[in-house]
Amino acid sequence: MVAYGLGMLGSRHLLGLLSTQTGCRVVAVGDPKQCQSIEAGPVIELLRRALGPDSMPELLSTVRQQSVRERETSLMFREGRAVEAQALSGLIIIALPTFA
């Protein structure tokens, strides 16, 4: 069974998924820096703590972006270096108004 978008599951949903599986392997895929669950529990971090960091493989590169520049820019966005990534990519940034 593959659970894609693991970070969007709440801890109760993850418990339900793991407790109902019978004789199958569960492969969970997710990115803690993408969409978060609207329910309680950062499940990826909880699993990392419970299973240990060595049991949770991590992708450190990207395949979708073809050029070195695209890969570097993508990883910068993921690491929270948006301003630097925007400058490298040449994106035009439009500032949206903030409401008090």
Protein backbone atom coordinates (compact mmCIF):
# COMPACT_ATOMS: atom_id res chain seq x y z
CA MET A 1 0.00 0.00 0.00
CA VAL A 2 1.38 3.42 -0.91
CA ALA A 3 0.42 6.48 1.11
CA TYR A 4 1.37 9.47 -1.04
CA GLY A 5 1.24 12.92 0.56
CA LEU A 6 1.97 11.58 4.03
CA GLY A 7 2.37 15.05 5.50
CA MET A 8 -1.31 15.73 4.82
CA LEU A 9 -2.42 12.86 7.09
CA GLY A 10 -3.23 13.61 10.69
CA SER A 11 -1.94 11.32 13.40
CA ARG A 12 -5.35 9.62 13.80
CA HIS A 13 -5.51 8.85 10.08
CA LEU A 14 -1.99 7.46 10.13
CA LEU A 15 -2.84 5.27 13.11
CA GLY A 16 -5.93 4.03 11.27
CA LEU A 17 -3.90 3.28 8.16
CA LEU A 18 -1.23 1.37 10.07
CA SER A 19 -3.65 -0.52 12.28
CA THR A 20 -5.90 -1.77 9.45
CA GLN A 21 -3.19 -3.08 7.13
CA THR A 22 -3.01 -6.86 7.08
CA GLY A 23 -0.04 -8.60 5.56
CA CYS A 24 0.91 -5.78 3.24
CA ARG A 25 3.84 -3.42 3.19
CA VAL A 26 3.07 0.26 3.71
CA VAL A 27 5.23 2.71 1.79
CA ALA A 28 4.67 6.27 2.93
CA VAL A 29 5.86 9.17 0.78
CA GLY A 30 5.72 12.79 1.82
CA ASP A 31 7.49 16.08 2.26
CA PRO A 32 7.24 17.82 5.64
CA LYS A 33 7.83 21.15 3.92
CA GLN A 34 4.81 20.86 1.64
CA CYS A 35 1.10 20.69 2.49
CA GLN A 36 0.47 20.09 6.15
CA SER A 37 -2.36 18.19 7.75
CA ILE A 38 -5.31 20.19 9.00
CA GLU A 39 -5.55 17.71 11.87
CA ALA A 40 -3.21 17.25 14.78
CA GLY A 41 0.18 15.73 14.43
CA PRO A 42 3.18 16.30 12.17
CA VAL A 43 3.20 12.63 11.16
CA ILE A 44 6.47 12.67 9.25
CA GLU A 45 8.32 14.10 12.24
CA LEU A 46 6.52 11.72 14.60
CA LEU A 47 7.55 8.74 12.45
CA ARG A 48 11.13 10.03 12.27
CA ARG A 49 11.25 10.21 16.08
CA ALA A 50 9.63 6.79 16.55
CA LEU A 51 11.57 4.90 13.87
CA GLY A 52 14.81 6.85 13.91
CA PRO A 53 16.21 9.04 11.13
CA ASP A 54 18.14 6.17 9.55
CA SER A 55 14.90 4.30 8.79
CA MET A 56 13.47 7.21 6.79
CA PRO A 57 15.26 7.72 3.48
CA GLU A 58 15.45 11.26 2.18
CA LEU A 59 15.75 12.49 -1.38
CA LEU A 60 18.40 15.16 -1.64
CA SER A 61 18.16 15.89 -5.34
CA THR A 62 15.47 16.44 -7.93
CA VAL A 63 14.80 14.63 -11.18
CA ARG A 64 12.00 16.75 -12.64
CA GLN A 65 14.19 19.79 -13.23
CA GLN A 66 16.64 19.11 -16.04
CA SER A 67 19.29 21.83 -15.85
CA VAL A 68 21.65 22.46 -12.95
CA ARG A 69 20.15 25.92 -12.54
CA GLU A 70 16.61 24.52 -12.30
CA ARG A 71 17.69 21.95 -9.71
CA GLU A 72 19.54 24.55 -7.63
CA THR A 73 16.56 26.92 -7.75
CA SER A 74 14.13 24.18 -6.76
CA LEU A 75 16.23 23.17 -3.77
CA MET A 76 16.63 26.79 -2.68
CA PHE A 77 12.83 27.19 -2.58
CA ARG A 78 12.56 23.96 -0.58
CA GLU A 79 15.19 25.16 1.91
CA GLY A 80 13.33 28.43 2.45
CA ARG A 81 15.80 30.54 0.47
CA ALA A 82 13.06 32.08 -1.67
CA VAL A 83 14.65 35.48 -2.26
CA GLU A 84 17.89 33.89 -3.44
CA ALA A 85 15.99 31.39 -5.60
CA GLN A 86 13.90 34.13 -7.18
CA ALA A 87 17.01 36.12 -8.05
CA LEU A 88 18.68 33.06 -9.60
CA SER A 89 15.60 32.03 -11.57
CA GLY A 90 14.78 35.51 -12.85
CA LEU A 91 11.21 35.30 -11.60
CA ILE A 92 9.16 38.48 -11.40
CA ILE A 93 7.73 38.84 -7.92
CA ILE A 94 4.51 40.76 -7.38
CA ALA A 95 3.99 41.95 -3.83
CA LEU A 96 0.47 41.34 -2.63
CA PRO A 97 -1.10 43.76 -0.15
CA THR A 98 -1.25 42.69 3.46
CA PHE A 99 -4.36 43.21 5.51
CA ALA A 100 -4.20 44.27 9.14
